[in-house]
Amino acid sequence: MNTERLSKILVGPVVSEKSTRAADLNRQYVFKVLRDASKPEVRKAVEKMFDVKVTSVQLLNVKGKVKRFGQTMGRRSDWKKAYITLAEGSDIDFAGAE
């Protein structure tokens, strides 16, 4: 896997009540990833970007919601979510100012 692809795998963190609870209780972090990303790619991308040890990766496809845009019905895009479990002692700090 090339480093250019690994740098594009993680689209961004998912910040919600559920993801915050998972981080506090289970050392799990939630990321939005590319639709065609695989578990080994996500693992290597997180380990490379945040310099942590990943224990497990769980991927799931999120279906886009059907929404109304004015008079017409539309549909939001599908996307993929990754639950990353970190090893004991590892931590990701999103608010780390340098």
PDB file of N, CA and C in Angstrom:
ATOM      1  N   MET A   1       0.838  -1.179   0.000  1.00  0.00           N
ATOM      2  CA  MET A   1       0.000   0.000   0.000  1.00  0.00           C
ATOM      3  C   MET A   1       0.884   1.244   0.000  1.00  0.00           C
ATOM      4  N   ASN A   2       0.594   2.153  -0.914  1.00  0.00           N
ATOM      5  CA  ASN A   2       1.421   3.354  -0.979  1.00  0.00           C
ATOM      6  C   ASN A   2       0.971   4.392   0.051  1.00  0.00           C
ATOM      7  N   THR A   3       1.890   5.289   0.392  1.00  0.00           N
ATOM      8  CA  THR A   3       1.613   6.263   1.449  1.00  0.00           C
ATOM      9  C   THR A   3       0.595   7.307   1.008  1.00  0.00           C
ATOM     10  N   GLU A   4       0.508   7.587  -0.284  1.00  0.00           N
ATOM     11  CA  GLU A   4      -0.477   8.554  -0.764  1.00  0.00           C
ATOM     12  C   GLU A   4      -1.892   8.042  -0.526  1.00  0.00           C
ATOM     13  N   ARG A   5      -2.130   6.759  -0.796  1.00  0.00           N
ATOM     14  CA  ARG A   5      -3.453   6.164  -0.561  1.00  0.00           C
ATOM     15  C   ARG A   5      -3.769   6.147   0.932  1.00  0.00           C
ATOM     16  N   LEU A   6      -2.778   5.790   1.759  1.00  0.00           N
ATOM     17  CA  LEU A   6      -3.010   5.730   3.206  1.00  0.00           C
ATOM     18  C   LEU A   6      -3.376   7.090   3.771  1.00  0.00           C
ATOM     19  N   SER A   7      -2.827   8.157   3.203  1.00  0.00           N
ATOM     20  CA  SER A   7      -3.134   9.489   3.726  1.00  0.00           C
ATOM     21  C   SER A   7      -4.548   9.935   3.360  1.00  0.00           C
ATOM     22  N   LYS A   8      -5.169   9.294   2.354  1.00  0.00           N
ATOM     23  CA  LYS A   8      -6.519   9.664   1.931  1.00  0.00           C
ATOM     24  C   LYS A   8      -7.603   8.772   2.515  1.00  0.00           C
ATOM     25  N   ILE A   9      -7.225   7.668   3.155  1.00  0.00           N
ATOM     26  CA  ILE A   9      -8.198   6.686   3.667  1.00  0.00           C
ATOM     27  C   ILE A   9      -9.114   7.309   4.721  1.00  0.00           C
ATOM     28  N   LEU A  10      -8.539   8.014   5.691  1.00  0.00           N
ATOM     29  CA  LEU A  10      -9.338   8.614   6.759  1.00  0.00           C
ATOM     30  C   LEU A  10      -9.900   9.945   6.281  1.00  0.00           C
ATOM     31  N   VAL A  11     -11.222  10.027   6.197  1.00  0.00           N
ATOM     32  CA  VAL A  11     -11.870  11.266   5.763  1.00  0.00           C
ATOM     33  C   VAL A  11     -11.970  12.230   6.937  1.00  0.00           C
ATOM     34  N   GLY A  12     -12.320  11.718   8.114  1.00  0.00           N
ATOM     35  CA  GLY A  12     -12.404  12.572   9.294  1.00  0.00           C
ATOM     36  C   GLY A  12     -12.992  11.828  10.462  1.00  0.00           C
ATOM     37  N   PRO A  13     -12.864  12.393  11.663  1.00  0.00           N
ATOM     38  CA  PRO A  13     -13.450  11.746  12.838  1.00  0.00           C
ATOM     39  C   PRO A  13     -14.958  11.974  12.880  1.00  0.00           C
ATOM     40  N   VAL A  14     -15.668  11.028  13.485  1.00  0.00           N
ATOM     41  CA  VAL A  14     -17.107  11.167  13.703  1.00  0.00           C
ATOM     42  C   VAL A  14     -17.283  11.567  15.161  1.00  0.00           C
ATOM     43  N   VAL A  15     -17.807  12.774  15.381  1.00  0.00           N
ATOM     44  CA  VAL A  15     -17.997  13.281  16.739  1.00  0.00           C
ATOM     45  C   VAL A  15     -19.488  13.257  17.049  1.00  0.00           C
ATOM     46  N   SER A  16     -19.864  12.371  17.953  1.00  0.00           N
ATOM     47  CA  SER A  16     -21.252  12.247  18.380  1.00  0.00           C
ATOM     48  C   SER A  16     -21.262  11.751  19.823  1.00  0.00           C
ATOM     49  N   GLU A  17     -22.437  11.692  20.405  1.00  0.00           N
ATOM     50  CA  GLU A  17     -22.531  11.178  21.779  1.00  0.00           C
ATOM     51  C   GLU A  17     -22.080   9.723  21.839  1.00  0.00           C
ATOM     52  N   LYS A  18     -22.485   8.935  20.846  1.00  0.00           N
ATOM     53  CA  LYS A  18     -22.138   7.520  20.821  1.00  0.00           C
ATOM     54  C   LYS A  18     -20.631   7.324  20.669  1.00  0.00           C
ATOM     55  N   SER A  19     -19.992   8.087  19.773  1.00  0.00           N
ATOM     56  CA  SER A  19     -18.556   7.927  19.575  1.00  0.00           C
ATOM     57  C   SER A  19     -17.766   8.406  20.793  1.00  0.00           C
ATOM     58  N   THR A  20     -18.247   9.436  21.463  1.00  0.00           N
ATOM     59  CA  THR A  20     -17.587   9.914  22.677  1.00  0.00           C
ATOM     60  C   THR A  20     -17.679   8.882  23.789  1.00  0.00           C
ATOM     61  N   ARG A  21     -18.842   8.254  23.918  1.00  0.00           N
ATOM     62  CA  ARG A  21     -19.023   7.203  24.928  1.00  0.00           C
ATOM     63  C   ARG A  21     -18.120   6.001  24.625  1.00  0.00           C
ATOM     64  N   ALA A  22     -18.005   5.634  23.345  1.00  0.00           N
ATOM     65  CA  ALA A  22     -17.142   4.509  22.956  1.00  0.00           C
ATOM     66  C   ALA A  22     -15.682   4.820  23.268  1.00  0.00           C
ATOM     67  N   ALA A  23     -15.277   6.063  23.057  1.00  0.00           N
ATOM     68  CA  ALA A  23     -13.895   6.450  23.346  1.00  0.00           C
ATOM     69  C   ALA A  23     -13.620   6.393  24.846  1.00  0.00           C
ATOM     70  N   ASP A  24     -14.568   6.846  25.651  1.00  0.00           N
ATOM     71  CA  ASP A  24     -14.374   6.865  27.103  1.00  0.00           C
ATOM     72  C   ASP A  24     -14.360   5.465  27.702  1.00  0.00           C
ATOM     73  N   LEU A  25     -15.268   4.598  27.253  1.00  0.00           N
ATOM     74  CA  LEU A  25     -15.419   3.287  27.876  1.00  0.00           C
ATOM     75  C   LEU A  25     -14.490   2.223  27.298  1.00  0.00           C
ATOM     76  N   ASN A  26     -14.292   2.217  25.969  1.00  0.00           N
ATOM     77  CA  ASN A  26     -13.618   1.088  25.320  1.00  0.00           C
ATOM     78  C   ASN A  26     -12.357   1.440  24.555  1.00  0.00           C
ATOM     79  N   ARG A  27     -11.876   2.686  24.653  1.00  0.00           N
ATOM     80  CA  ARG A  27     -10.735   3.141  23.852  1.00  0.00           C
ATOM     81  C   ARG A  27     -10.994   2.954  22.355  1.00  0.00           C
ATOM     82  N   GLN A  28     -12.247   3.174  21.932  1.00  0.00           N
ATOM     83  CA  GLN A  28     -12.615   3.068  20.525  1.00  0.00           C
ATOM     84  C   GLN A  28     -12.808   4.459  19.954  1.00  0.00           C
ATOM     85  N   TYR A  29     -12.283   4.659  18.748  1.00  0.00           N
ATOM     86  CA  TYR A  29     -12.440   5.926  18.049  1.00  0.00           C
ATOM     87  C   TYR A  29     -13.150   5.664  16.740  1.00  0.00           C
ATOM     88  N   VAL A  30     -13.988   6.610  16.313  1.00  0.00           N
ATOM     89  CA  VAL A  30     -14.825   6.418  15.136  1.00  0.00           C
ATOM     90  C   VAL A  30     -14.375   7.394  14.047  1.00  0.00           C
ATOM     91  N   PHE A  31     -14.157   6.861  12.848  1.00  0.00           N
ATOM     92  CA  PHE A  31     -13.731   7.668  11.718  1.00  0.00           C
ATOM     93  C   PHE A  31     -14.628   7.424  10.519  1.00  0.00           C
ATOM     94  N   LYS A  32     -14.808   8.454   9.711  1.00  0.00           N
ATOM     95  CA  LYS A  32     -15.426   8.307   8.405  1.00  0.00           C
ATOM     96  C   LYS A  32     -14.286   7.971   7.455  1.00  0.00           C
ATOM     97  N   VAL A  33     -14.435   6.881   6.686  1.00  0.00           N
ATOM     98  CA  VAL A  33     -13.365   6.426   5.795  1.00  0.00           C
ATOM     99  C   VAL A  33     -13.892   6.318   4.368  1.00  0.00           C
ATOM    100  N   LEU A  34     -12.971   6.112   3.429  1.00  0.00           N
ATOM    101  CA  LEU A  34     -13.368   5.943   2.033  1.00  0.00           C
ATOM    102  C   LEU A  34     -14.244   4.716   1.876  1.00  0.00           C
ATOM    103  N   ARG A  35     -15.162   4.755   0.904  1.00  0.00           N
ATOM    104  CA  ARG A  35     -16.108   3.650   0.690  1.00  0.00           C
ATOM    105  C   ARG A  35     -15.408   2.342   0.326  1.00  0.00           C
ATOM    106  N   ASP A  36     -14.254   2.421  -0.343  1.00  0.00           N
ATOM    107  CA  ASP A  36     -13.571   1.201  -0.789  1.00  0.00           C
ATOM    108  C   ASP A  36     -12.410   0.804   0.124  1.00  0.00           C
ATOM    109  N   ALA A  37     -12.338   1.377   1.319  1.00  0.00           N
ATOM    110  CA  ALA A  37     -11.248   1.079   2.255  1.00  0.00           C
ATOM    111  C   ALA A  37     -11.439  -0.301   2.875  1.00  0.00           C
ATOM    112  N   SER A  38     -10.337  -0.984   3.117  1.00  0.00           N
ATOM    113  CA  SER A  38     -10.376  -2.301   3.759  1.00  0.00           C
ATOM    114  C   SER A  38      -9.819  -2.177   5.180  1.00  0.00           C
ATOM    115  N   LYS A  39     -10.034  -3.212   5.977  1.00  0.00           N
ATOM    116  CA  LYS A  39      -9.567  -3.192   7.364  1.00  0.00           C
ATOM    117  C   LYS A  39      -8.048  -3.012   7.473  1.00  0.00           C
ATOM    118  N   PRO A  40      -7.241  -3.762   6.694  1.00  0.00           N
ATOM    119  CA  PRO A  40      -5.786  -3.556   6.800  1.00  0.00           C
ATOM    120  C   PRO A  40      -5.361  -2.144   6.407  1.00  0.00           C
ATOM    121  N   GLU A  41      -6.019  -1.560   5.414  1.00  0.00           N
ATOM    122  CA  GLU A  41      -5.682  -0.195   5.007  1.00  0.00           C
ATOM    123  C   GLU A  41      -6.015   0.803   6.111  1.00  0.00           C
ATOM    124  N   VAL A  42      -7.181   0.649   6.737  1.00  0.00           N
ATOM    125  CA  VAL A  42      -7.588   1.557   7.808  1.00  0.00           C
ATOM    126  C   VAL A  42      -6.631   1.419   8.985  1.00  0.00           C
ATOM    127  N   ARG A  43      -6.272   0.193   9.340  1.00  0.00           N
ATOM    128  CA  ARG A  43      -5.333  -0.046  10.450  1.00  0.00           C
ATOM    129  C   ARG A  43      -4.005   0.661  10.201  1.00  0.00           C
ATOM    130  N   LYS A  44      -3.438   0.487   9.010  1.00  0.00           N
ATOM    131  CA  LYS A  44      -2.143   1.100   8.698  1.00  0.00           C
ATOM    132  C   LYS A  44      -2.242   2.620   8.651  1.00  0.00           C
ATOM    133  N   ALA A  45      -3.359   3.143   8.143  1.00  0.00           N
ATOM    134  CA  ALA A  45      -3.535   4.597   8.065  1.00  0.00           C
ATOM    135  C   ALA A  45      -3.590   5.220   9.453  1.00  0.00           C
ATOM    136  N   VAL A  46      -4.336   4.601  10.375  1.00  0.00           N
ATOM    137  CA  VAL A  46      -4.439   5.140  11.737  1.00  0.00           C
ATOM    138  C   VAL A  46      -3.097   5.030  12.450  1.00  0.00           C
ATOM    139  N   GLU A  47      -2.423   3.887  12.322  1.00  0.00           N
ATOM    140  CA  GLU A  47      -1.134   3.715  12.986  1.00  0.00           C
ATOM    141  C   GLU A  47      -0.102   4.711  12.458  1.00  0.00           C
ATOM    142  N   LYS A  48      -0.154   4.996  11.160  1.00  0.00           N
ATOM    143  CA  LYS A  48       0.799   5.928  10.565  1.00  0.00           C
ATOM    144  C   LYS A  48       0.504   7.373  10.969  1.00  0.00           C
ATOM    145  N   MET A  49      -0.775   7.770  10.913  1.00  0.00           N
ATOM    146  CA  MET A  49      -1.124   9.166  11.167  1.00  0.00           C
ATOM    147  C   MET A  49      -1.005   9.564  12.637  1.00  0.00           C
ATOM    148  N   PHE A  50      -1.401   8.682  13.552  1.00  0.00           N
ATOM    149  CA  PHE A  50      -1.462   9.040  14.965  1.00  0.00           C
ATOM    150  C   PHE A  50      -0.381   8.365  15.807  1.00  0.00           C
ATOM    151  N   ASP A  51       0.444   7.500  15.217  1.00  0.00           N
ATOM    152  CA  ASP A  51       1.531   6.815  15.913  1.00  0.00           C
ATOM    153  C   ASP A  51       1.008   6.084  17.151  1.00  0.00           C
ATOM    154  N   VAL A  52       0.002   5.211  16.923  1.00  0.00           N
ATOM    155  CA  VAL A  52      -0.604   4.409  17.988  1.00  0.00           C
ATOM    156  C   VAL A  52      -0.629   2.950  17.539  1.00  0.00           C
ATOM    157  N   LYS A  53      -0.934   2.053  18.472  1.00  0.00           N
ATOM    158  CA  LYS A  53      -1.067   0.628  18.174  1.00  0.00           C
ATOM    159  C   LYS A  53      -2.544   0.283  18.122  1.00  0.00           C
ATOM    160  N   VAL A  54      -3.008  -0.222  16.974  1.00  0.00           N
ATOM    161  CA  VAL A  54      -4.416  -0.567  16.776  1.00  0.00           C
ATOM    162  C   VAL A  54      -4.624  -2.039  17.100  1.00  0.00           C
ATOM    163  N   THR A  55      -5.619  -2.324  17.948  1.00  0.00           N
ATOM    164  CA  THR A  55      -5.947  -3.699  18.320  1.00  0.00           C
ATOM    165  C   THR A  55      -6.918  -4.313  17.319  1.00  0.00           C
ATOM    166  N   SER A  56      -7.994  -3.581  16.984  1.00  0.00           N
ATOM    167  CA  SER A  56      -8.973  -4.125  16.042  1.00  0.00           C
ATOM    168  C   SER A  56      -9.635  -3.005  15.260  1.00  0.00           C
ATOM    169  N   VAL A  57     -10.190  -3.395  14.106  1.00  0.00           N
ATOM    170  CA  VAL A  57     -10.899  -2.470  13.223  1.00  0.00           C
ATOM    171  C   VAL A  57     -12.234  -3.111  12.864  1.00  0.00           C
ATOM    172  N   GLN A  58     -13.313  -2.346  13.025  1.00  0.00           N
ATOM    173  CA  GLN A  58     -14.640  -2.800  12.610  1.00  0.00           C
ATOM    174  C   GLN A  58     -15.180  -1.783  11.621  1.00  0.00           C
ATOM    175  N   LEU A  59     -15.592  -2.256  10.445  1.00  0.00           N
ATOM    176  CA  LEU A  59     -16.127  -1.379   9.410  1.00  0.00           C
ATOM    177  C   LEU A  59     -17.616  -1.611   9.248  1.00  0.00           C
ATOM    178  N   LEU A  60     -18.348  -0.544   8.947  1.00  0.00           N
ATOM    179  CA  LEU A  60     -19.753  -0.701   8.624  1.00  0.00           C
ATOM    180  C   LEU A  60     -20.157   0.354   7.609  1.00  0.00           C
ATOM    181  N   ASN A  61     -21.082  -0.037   6.726  1.00  0.00           N
ATOM    182  CA  ASN A  61     -21.607   0.864   5.716  1.00  0.00           C
ATOM    183  C   ASN A  61     -22.831   1.575   6.268  1.00  0.00           C
ATOM    184  N   VAL A  62     -22.840   2.903   6.144  1.00  0.00           N
ATOM    185  CA  VAL A  62     -23.962   3.711   6.605  1.00  0.00           C
ATOM    186  C   VAL A  62     -24.764   4.118   5.379  1.00  0.00           C
ATOM    187  N   LYS A  63     -26.034   3.766   5.379  1.00  0.00           N
ATOM    188  CA  LYS A  63     -26.899   4.110   4.256  1.00  0.00           C
ATOM    189  C   LYS A  63     -27.313   5.571   4.354  1.00  0.00           C
ATOM    190  N   GLY A  64     -27.341   6.262   3.215  1.00  0.00           N
ATOM    191  CA  GLY A  64     -27.745   7.662   3.177  1.00  0.00           C
ATOM    192  C   GLY A  64     -29.232   7.816   3.428  1.00  0.00           C
ATOM    193  N   LYS A  65     -29.601   8.883   4.109  1.00  0.00           N
ATOM    194  CA  LYS A  65     -31.002   9.123   4.428  1.00  0.00           C
ATOM    195  C   LYS A  65     -31.742   9.690   3.219  1.00  0.00           C
ATOM    196  N   VAL A  66     -33.030   9.397   3.141  1.00  0.00           N
ATOM    197  CA  VAL A  66     -33.894  10.016   2.146  1.00  0.00           C
ATOM    198  C   VAL A  66     -34.397  11.317   2.759  1.00  0.00           C
ATOM    199  N   LYS A  67     -34.147  12.421   2.065  1.00  0.00           N
ATOM    200  CA  LYS A  67     -34.506  13.737   2.576  1.00  0.00           C
ATOM    201  C   LYS A  67     -35.295  14.505   1.531  1.00  0.00           C
ATOM    202  N   ARG A  68     -36.034  15.481   1.980  1.00  0.00           N
ATOM    203  CA  ARG A  68     -36.775  16.352   1.073  1.00  0.00           C
ATOM    204  C   ARG A  68     -35.944  17.622   0.848  1.00  0.00           C
ATOM    205  N   PHE A  69     -35.748  17.978  -0.406  1.00  0.00           N
ATOM    206  CA  PHE A  69     -35.077  19.213  -0.778  1.00  0.00           C
ATOM    207  C   PHE A  69     -36.099  20.072  -1.522  1.00  0.00           C
ATOM    208  N   GLY A  70     -36.775  20.945  -0.781  1.00  0.00           N
ATOM    209  CA  GLY A  70     -37.861  21.710  -1.374  1.00  0.00           C
ATOM    210  C   GLY A  70     -39.020  20.782  -1.686  1.00  0.00           C
ATOM    211  N   GLN A  71     -39.465  20.771  -2.941  1.00  0.00           N
ATOM    212  CA  GLN A  71     -40.564  19.887  -3.331  1.00  0.00           C
ATOM    213  C   GLN A  71     -40.076  18.511  -3.761  1.00  0.00           C
ATOM    214  N   THR A  72     -38.801  18.394  -4.086  1.00  0.00           N
ATOM    215  CA  THR A  72     -38.299  17.126  -4.608  1.00  0.00           C
ATOM    216  C   THR A  72     -37.692  16.288  -3.499  1.00  0.00           C
ATOM    217  N   MET A  73     -37.799  14.979  -3.640  1.00  0.00           N
ATOM    218  CA  MET A  73     -37.182  14.056  -2.703  1.00  0.00           C
ATOM    219  C   MET A  73     -35.770  13.754  -3.198  1.00  0.00           C
ATOM    220  N   GLY A  74     -34.841  13.700  -2.263  1.00  0.00           N
ATOM    221  CA  GLY A  74     -33.455  13.396  -2.601  1.00  0.00           C
ATOM    222  C   GLY A  74     -32.915  12.372  -1.637  1.00  0.00           C
ATOM    223  N   ARG A  75     -31.679  11.983  -1.871  1.00  0.00           N
ATOM    224  CA  ARG A  75     -31.060  10.971  -1.027  1.00  0.00           C
ATOM    225  C   ARG A  75     -29.611  11.362  -0.758  1.00  0.00           C
ATOM    226  N   ARG A  76     -29.223  11.333   0.497  1.00  0.00           N
ATOM    227  CA  ARG A  76     -27.834  11.607   0.840  1.00  0.00           C
ATOM    228  C   ARG A  76     -26.966  10.422   0.455  1.00  0.00           C
ATOM    229  N   SER A  77     -25.672  10.667   0.289  1.00  0.00           N
ATOM    230  CA  SER A  77     -24.740   9.631  -0.138  1.00  0.00           C
ATOM    231  C   SER A  77     -24.513   8.607   0.967  1.00  0.00           C
ATOM    232  N   ASP A  78     -24.274   7.352   0.569  1.00  0.00           N
ATOM    233  CA  ASP A  78     -23.849   6.324   1.506  1.00  0.00           C
ATOM    234  C   ASP A  78     -22.397   6.607   1.898  1.00  0.00           C
ATOM    235  N   TRP A  79     -21.997   6.146   3.090  1.00  0.00           N
ATOM    236  CA  TRP A  79     -20.619   6.312   3.523  1.00  0.00           C
ATOM    237  C   TRP A  79     -20.215   5.163   4.426  1.00  0.00           C
ATOM    238  N   LYS A  80     -18.927   5.063   4.704  1.00  0.00           N
ATOM    239  CA  LYS A  80     -18.403   3.962   5.507  1.00  0.00           C
ATOM    240  C   LYS A  80     -17.823   4.517   6.806  1.00  0.00           C
ATOM    241  N   LYS A  81     -18.105   3.805   7.897  1.00  0.00           N
ATOM    242  CA  LYS A  81     -17.654   4.183   9.229  1.00  0.00           C
ATOM    243  C   LYS A  81     -16.716   3.105   9.747  1.00  0.00           C
ATOM    244  N   ALA A  82     -15.665   3.527  10.471  1.00  0.00           N
ATOM    245  CA  ALA A  82     -14.707   2.583  11.048  1.00  0.00           C
ATOM    246  C   ALA A  82     -14.610   2.805  12.545  1.00  0.00           C
ATOM    247  N   TYR A  83     -14.781   1.727  13.307  1.00  0.00           N
ATOM    248  CA  TYR A  83     -14.550   1.745  14.752  1.00  0.00           C
ATOM    249  C   TYR A  83     -13.154   1.185  14.989  1.00  0.00           C
ATOM    250  N   ILE A  84     -12.260   2.011  15.554  1.00  0.00           N
ATOM    251  CA  ILE A  84     -10.876   1.633  15.782  1.00  0.00           C
ATOM    252  C   ILE A  84     -10.677   1.418  17.275  1.00  0.00           C
ATOM    253  N   THR A  85     -10.230   0.227  17.670  1.00  0.00           N
ATOM    254  CA  THR A  85      -9.916  -0.050  19.077  1.00  0.00           C
ATOM    255  C   THR A  85      -8.407   0.029  19.240  1.00  0.00           C
ATOM    256  N   LEU A  86      -7.973   0.825  20.200  1.00  0.00           N
ATOM    257  CA  LEU A  86      -6.545   1.020  20.434  1.00  0.00           C
ATOM    258  C   LEU A  86      -6.040   0.123  21.557  1.00  0.00           C
ATOM    259  N   ALA A  87      -4.747  -0.161  21.506  1.00  0.00           N
ATOM    260  CA  ALA A  87      -4.111  -0.974  22.540  1.00  0.00           C
ATOM    261  C   ALA A  87      -4.062  -0.196  23.850  1.00  0.00           C
ATOM    262  N   GLU A  88      -3.878  -0.913  24.939  1.00  0.00           N
ATOM    263  CA  GLU A  88      -3.783  -0.298  26.265  1.00  0.00           C
ATOM    264  C   GLU A  88      -2.639   0.704  26.279  1.00  0.00           C
ATOM    265  N   GLY A  89      -2.920   1.908  26.770  1.00  0.00           N
ATOM    266  CA  GLY A  89      -1.895   2.931  26.853  1.00  0.00           C
ATOM    267  C   GLY A  89      -1.824   3.846  25.641  1.00  0.00           C
ATOM    268  N   SER A  90      -2.499   3.488  24.558  1.00  0.00           N
ATOM    269  CA  SER A  90      -2.526   4.341  23.362  1.00  0.00           C
ATOM    270  C   SER A  90      -3.717   5.282  23.445  1.00  0.00           C
ATOM    271  N   ASP A  91      -3.547   6.477  22.870  1.00  0.00           N
ATOM    272  CA  ASP A  91      -4.609   7.468  22.917  1.00  0.00           C
ATOM    273  C   ASP A  91      -4.469   8.403  21.721  1.00  0.00           C
ATOM    274  N   ILE A  92      -5.596   8.867  21.195  1.00  0.00           N
ATOM    275  CA  ILE A  92      -5.614   9.833  20.106  1.00  0.00           C
ATOM    276  C   ILE A  92      -6.169  11.136  20.670  1.00  0.00           C
ATOM    277  N   ASP A  93      -5.411  12.212  20.504  1.00  0.00           N
ATOM    278  CA  ASP A  93      -5.838  13.521  21.006  1.00  0.00           C
ATOM    279  C   ASP A  93      -6.159  14.408  19.807  1.00  0.00           C
ATOM    280  N   PHE A  94      -7.444  14.615  19.556  1.00  0.00           N
ATOM    281  CA  PHE A  94      -7.862  15.429  18.414  1.00  0.00           C
ATOM    282  C   PHE A  94      -7.649  16.912  18.678  1.00  0.00           C
ATOM    283  N   ALA A  95      -7.678  17.326  19.926  1.00  0.00           N
ATOM    284  CA  ALA A  95      -7.564  18.740  20.266  1.00  0.00           C
ATOM    285  C   ALA A  95      -6.130  19.149  20.571  1.00  0.00           C
ATOM    286  N   GLY A  96      -5.181  18.300  20.255  1.00  0.00           N
ATOM    287  CA  GLY A  96      -3.777  18.585  20.568  1.00  0.00           C
ATOM    288  C   GLY A  96      -3.237  19.744  19.747  1.00  0.00           C
ATOM    289  N   ALA A  97      -3.055  20.897  20.375  1.00  0.00           N
ATOM    290  CA  ALA A  97      -2.511  22.068  19.687  1.00  0.00           C
ATOM    291  C   ALA A  97      -0.987  22.002  19.732  1.00  0.00           C
ATOM    292  N   GLU A  98      -0.391  22.348  18.619  1.00  0.00           N
ATOM    293  CA  GLU A  98       1.062  22.273  18.551  1.00  0.00           C
ATOM    294  C   GLU A  98       1.683  23.627  18.607  1.00  0.00           C
TER     295      GLU A  98
END
